[in-house]
Amino acid sequence: MGCGIPAITTRMAGVSEIITHGVNGLILEDPADSLTLSKWLDRLATDPDWRNRMGEAAILAVAQYTWERNASQMHLVIDRARKI
């Protein structure tokens, strides 16, 4: 997503929590639904406006997930664990 590529995932993957379906990526409700996946891949390949619009939104969606933020959150988790 950070490279401007709309992600495709399933509802069962954790990343689905940061994806807005049809805005910055696509979420399969049924991970075995190969027909829907095939249709989405075909549309992404043949509809540059849709693909680019989602890709641009994907960049914005993940911009907040920096290494600094990750390190800060991990530091908080470790500090809380030490207090237990």
N, C-alpha and C. Protein backbone atom coordinates (compact mmCIF):
# COMPACT_ATOMS: atom_id res chain seq x y z
N MET A 1 0.82 -1.18 0.00
CA MET A 1 0.00 0.00 0.00
C MET A 1 0.87 1.25 0.00
N GLY A 2 1.98 1.19 0.71
CA GLY A 2 2.88 2.32 0.77
C GLY A 2 3.51 2.65 -0.57
N CYS A 3 3.47 1.71 -1.50
CA CYS A 3 4.02 1.93 -2.84
C CYS A 3 2.93 2.34 -3.83
N GLY A 4 1.73 2.57 -3.32
CA GLY A 4 0.65 3.00 -4.20
C GLY A 4 -0.06 1.87 -4.90
N ILE A 5 0.02 0.70 -4.32
CA ILE A 5 -0.66 -0.46 -4.90
C ILE A 5 -1.82 -0.83 -4.01
N PRO A 6 -3.04 -0.87 -4.55
CA PRO A 6 -4.17 -1.26 -3.72
C PRO A 6 -4.02 -2.72 -3.28
N ALA A 7 -4.17 -2.95 -2.00
CA ALA A 7 -4.03 -4.30 -1.46
C ALA A 7 -5.33 -5.07 -1.61
N ILE A 8 -5.19 -6.37 -1.76
CA ILE A 8 -6.33 -7.27 -1.72
C ILE A 8 -6.05 -8.24 -0.58
N THR A 9 -6.99 -8.35 0.33
CA THR A 9 -6.82 -9.25 1.47
C THR A 9 -8.17 -9.86 1.82
N THR A 10 -8.19 -10.65 2.86
CA THR A 10 -9.45 -11.23 3.32
C THR A 10 -9.82 -10.60 4.64
N ARG A 11 -11.07 -10.74 5.00
CA ARG A 11 -11.56 -10.22 6.28
C ARG A 11 -10.79 -10.85 7.44
N MET A 12 -10.23 -12.01 7.23
CA MET A 12 -9.54 -12.74 8.30
C MET A 12 -8.13 -12.25 8.56
N ALA A 13 -7.59 -11.40 7.69
CA ALA A 13 -6.24 -10.87 7.87
C ALA A 13 -6.30 -9.57 8.67
N GLY A 14 -5.34 -9.39 9.54
CA GLY A 14 -5.33 -8.20 10.39
C GLY A 14 -5.30 -6.90 9.62
N VAL A 15 -4.63 -6.89 8.47
CA VAL A 15 -4.52 -5.67 7.68
C VAL A 15 -5.89 -5.18 7.20
N SER A 16 -6.89 -6.05 7.20
CA SER A 16 -8.22 -5.62 6.76
C SER A 16 -8.78 -4.53 7.66
N GLU A 17 -8.23 -4.39 8.85
CA GLU A 17 -8.70 -3.35 9.77
C GLU A 17 -8.32 -1.94 9.31
N ILE A 18 -7.30 -1.82 8.49
CA ILE A 18 -6.91 -0.48 8.03
C ILE A 18 -7.31 -0.22 6.58
N ILE A 19 -7.94 -1.20 5.95
CA ILE A 19 -8.38 -1.04 4.56
C ILE A 19 -9.85 -0.69 4.54
N THR A 20 -10.18 0.31 3.73
CA THR A 20 -11.58 0.63 3.45
C THR A 20 -11.88 0.05 2.08
N HIS A 21 -12.74 -0.95 2.06
CA HIS A 21 -13.02 -1.69 0.83
C HIS A 21 -13.46 -0.75 -0.30
N GLY A 22 -12.77 -0.87 -1.42
CA GLY A 22 -13.10 -0.09 -2.60
C GLY A 22 -12.53 1.32 -2.59
N VAL A 23 -11.92 1.71 -1.47
CA VAL A 23 -11.33 3.05 -1.37
C VAL A 23 -9.81 2.97 -1.49
N ASN A 24 -9.19 2.13 -0.64
CA ASN A 24 -7.73 2.02 -0.68
C ASN A 24 -7.26 0.57 -0.82
N GLY A 25 -8.19 -0.32 -1.05
CA GLY A 25 -7.89 -1.73 -1.22
C GLY A 25 -9.19 -2.51 -1.34
N LEU A 26 -9.06 -3.81 -1.36
CA LEU A 26 -10.22 -4.68 -1.52
C LEU A 26 -10.16 -5.79 -0.48
N ILE A 27 -11.33 -6.12 0.08
CA ILE A 27 -11.40 -7.14 1.12
C ILE A 27 -12.36 -8.24 0.69
N LEU A 28 -11.82 -9.43 0.57
CA LEU A 28 -12.64 -10.60 0.27
C LEU A 28 -13.28 -11.09 1.56
N GLU A 29 -14.57 -11.22 1.55
CA GLU A 29 -15.26 -11.74 2.73
C GLU A 29 -14.98 -13.23 2.88
N ASP A 30 -14.92 -13.94 1.76
CA ASP A 30 -14.65 -15.38 1.76
C ASP A 30 -13.29 -15.62 1.10
N PRO A 31 -12.30 -16.05 1.87
CA PRO A 31 -10.97 -16.23 1.29
C PRO A 31 -10.91 -17.26 0.17
N ALA A 32 -11.91 -18.09 0.04
CA ALA A 32 -11.93 -19.10 -1.02
C ALA A 32 -12.68 -18.62 -2.27
N ASP A 33 -13.11 -17.37 -2.28
CA ASP A 33 -13.89 -16.83 -3.39
C ASP A 33 -12.97 -16.41 -4.54
N SER A 34 -12.51 -17.38 -5.28
CA SER A 34 -11.57 -17.11 -6.37
C SER A 34 -12.24 -16.38 -7.54
N LEU A 35 -13.54 -16.52 -7.70
CA LEU A 35 -14.23 -15.84 -8.79
C LEU A 35 -14.20 -14.32 -8.57
N THR A 36 -14.52 -13.89 -7.36
CA THR A 36 -14.47 -12.46 -7.06
C THR A 36 -13.05 -11.94 -7.17
N LEU A 37 -12.09 -12.68 -6.63
CA LEU A 37 -10.69 -12.28 -6.72
C LEU A 37 -10.27 -12.11 -8.18
N SER A 38 -10.66 -13.04 -9.02
CA SER A 38 -10.33 -12.97 -10.45
C SER A 38 -10.94 -11.72 -11.09
N LYS A 39 -12.18 -11.42 -10.76
CA LYS A 39 -12.83 -10.22 -11.32
C LYS A 39 -12.11 -8.95 -10.88
N TRP A 40 -11.74 -8.90 -9.60
CA TRP A 40 -11.04 -7.71 -9.10
C TRP A 40 -9.69 -7.55 -9.77
N LEU A 41 -8.94 -8.63 -9.91
CA LEU A 41 -7.63 -8.56 -10.56
C LEU A 41 -7.77 -8.11 -12.01
N ASP A 42 -8.78 -8.61 -12.69
CA ASP A 42 -9.02 -8.21 -14.07
C ASP A 42 -9.34 -6.72 -14.14
N ARG A 43 -10.19 -6.25 -13.24
CA ARG A 43 -10.55 -4.83 -13.26
C ARG A 43 -9.34 -3.96 -12.93
N LEU A 44 -8.54 -4.37 -11.94
CA LEU A 44 -7.34 -3.60 -11.62
C LEU A 44 -6.40 -3.52 -12.81
N ALA A 45 -6.32 -4.60 -13.57
CA ALA A 45 -5.43 -4.63 -14.73
C ALA A 45 -5.95 -3.79 -15.89
N THR A 46 -7.26 -3.63 -15.98
CA THR A 46 -7.84 -2.97 -17.16
C THR A 46 -8.46 -1.60 -16.88
N ASP A 47 -8.54 -1.20 -15.62
CA ASP A 47 -9.15 0.08 -15.26
C ASP A 47 -8.12 0.94 -14.52
N PRO A 48 -7.27 1.65 -15.26
CA PRO A 48 -6.20 2.42 -14.60
C PRO A 48 -6.73 3.52 -13.68
N ASP A 49 -7.87 4.12 -14.00
CA ASP A 49 -8.41 5.16 -13.12
C ASP A 49 -8.77 4.59 -11.75
N TRP A 50 -9.44 3.45 -11.73
CA TRP A 50 -9.83 2.79 -10.47
C TRP A 50 -8.59 2.38 -9.69
N ARG A 51 -7.66 1.76 -10.40
CA ARG A 51 -6.41 1.29 -9.78
C ARG A 51 -5.61 2.45 -9.20
N ASN A 52 -5.47 3.53 -9.95
CA ASN A 52 -4.69 4.68 -9.49
C ASN A 52 -5.36 5.40 -8.34
N ARG A 53 -6.68 5.54 -8.40
CA ARG A 53 -7.42 6.19 -7.32
C ARG A 53 -7.25 5.41 -6.02
N MET A 54 -7.38 4.09 -6.08
CA MET A 54 -7.18 3.27 -4.88
C MET A 54 -5.73 3.29 -4.43
N GLY A 55 -4.82 3.29 -5.38
CA GLY A 55 -3.39 3.32 -5.03
C GLY A 55 -3.01 4.59 -4.30
N GLU A 56 -3.52 5.72 -4.77
CA GLU A 56 -3.24 7.00 -4.09
C GLU A 56 -3.84 7.01 -2.69
N ALA A 57 -5.04 6.48 -2.54
CA ALA A 57 -5.67 6.41 -1.22
C ALA A 57 -4.92 5.44 -0.31
N ALA A 58 -4.34 4.40 -0.88
CA ALA A 58 -3.57 3.43 -0.10
C ALA A 58 -2.34 4.09 0.52
N ILE A 59 -1.66 4.93 -0.25
CA ILE A 59 -0.49 5.65 0.27
C ILE A 59 -0.88 6.49 1.48
N LEU A 60 -1.99 7.21 1.36
CA LEU A 60 -2.44 8.05 2.47
C LEU A 60 -2.84 7.22 3.69
N ALA A 61 -3.45 6.09 3.44
CA ALA A 61 -3.93 5.24 4.55
C ALA A 61 -2.80 4.70 5.40
N VAL A 62 -1.68 4.37 4.78
CA VAL A 62 -0.59 3.75 5.54
C VAL A 62 0.50 4.74 5.96
N ALA A 63 0.37 5.99 5.56
CA ALA A 63 1.40 6.98 5.88
C ALA A 63 1.60 7.13 7.39
N GLN A 64 0.57 6.88 8.16
CA GLN A 64 0.67 7.03 9.61
C GLN A 64 1.42 5.88 10.29
N TYR A 65 1.61 4.79 9.57
CA TYR A 65 2.26 3.62 10.16
C TYR A 65 3.76 3.66 9.88
N THR A 66 4.44 4.51 10.64
CA THR A 66 5.88 4.71 10.45
C THR A 66 6.67 3.82 11.38
N TRP A 67 7.98 3.70 11.11
CA TRP A 67 8.86 2.96 12.00
C TRP A 67 8.90 3.62 13.38
N GLU A 68 8.86 4.93 13.40
CA GLU A 68 8.87 5.65 14.68
C GLU A 68 7.63 5.32 15.51
N ARG A 69 6.47 5.30 14.85
CA ARG A 69 5.24 4.97 15.56
C ARG A 69 5.30 3.53 16.08
N ASN A 70 5.78 2.63 15.27
CA ASN A 70 5.89 1.24 15.67
C ASN A 70 6.81 1.10 16.88
N ALA A 71 7.95 1.76 16.83
CA ALA A 71 8.90 1.69 17.95
C ALA A 71 8.28 2.27 19.22
N SER A 72 7.59 3.37 19.09
CA SER A 72 6.95 4.00 20.25
C SER A 72 5.89 3.09 20.86
N GLN A 73 5.10 2.48 20.04
CA GLN A 73 4.06 1.57 20.54
C GLN A 73 4.67 0.32 21.17
N MET A 74 5.73 -0.19 20.59
CA MET A 74 6.40 -1.35 21.18
C MET A 74 7.01 -0.99 22.54
N HIS A 75 7.54 0.21 22.65
CA HIS A 75 8.10 0.67 23.91
C HIS A 75 7.01 0.70 24.99
N LEU A 76 5.83 1.18 24.64
CA LEU A 76 4.71 1.20 25.59
C LEU A 76 4.31 -0.21 26.02
N VAL A 77 4.26 -1.13 25.08
CA VAL A 77 3.90 -2.51 25.40
C VAL A 77 4.92 -3.11 26.36
N ILE A 78 6.19 -2.89 26.08
CA ILE A 78 7.25 -3.45 26.94
C ILE A 78 7.19 -2.83 28.33
N ASP A 79 6.98 -1.52 28.41
CA ASP A 79 6.87 -0.86 29.72
C ASP A 79 5.69 -1.42 30.52
N ARG A 80 4.56 -1.63 29.86
CA ARG A 80 3.39 -2.18 30.56
C ARG A 80 3.66 -3.61 31.03
N ALA A 81 4.35 -4.38 30.23
CA ALA A 81 4.67 -5.76 30.59
C ALA A 81 5.58 -5.80 31.80
N ARG A 82 6.50 -4.86 31.91
CA ARG A 82 7.41 -4.82 33.05
C ARG A 82 6.68 -4.52 34.35
N LYS A 83 5.58 -3.80 34.26
CA LYS A 83 4.83 -3.41 35.45
C LYS A 83 3.93 -4.51 35.97
N ILE A 84 3.76 -5.57 35.19
CA ILE A 84 2.87 -6.67 35.60
C ILE A 84 3.55 -7.57 36.60
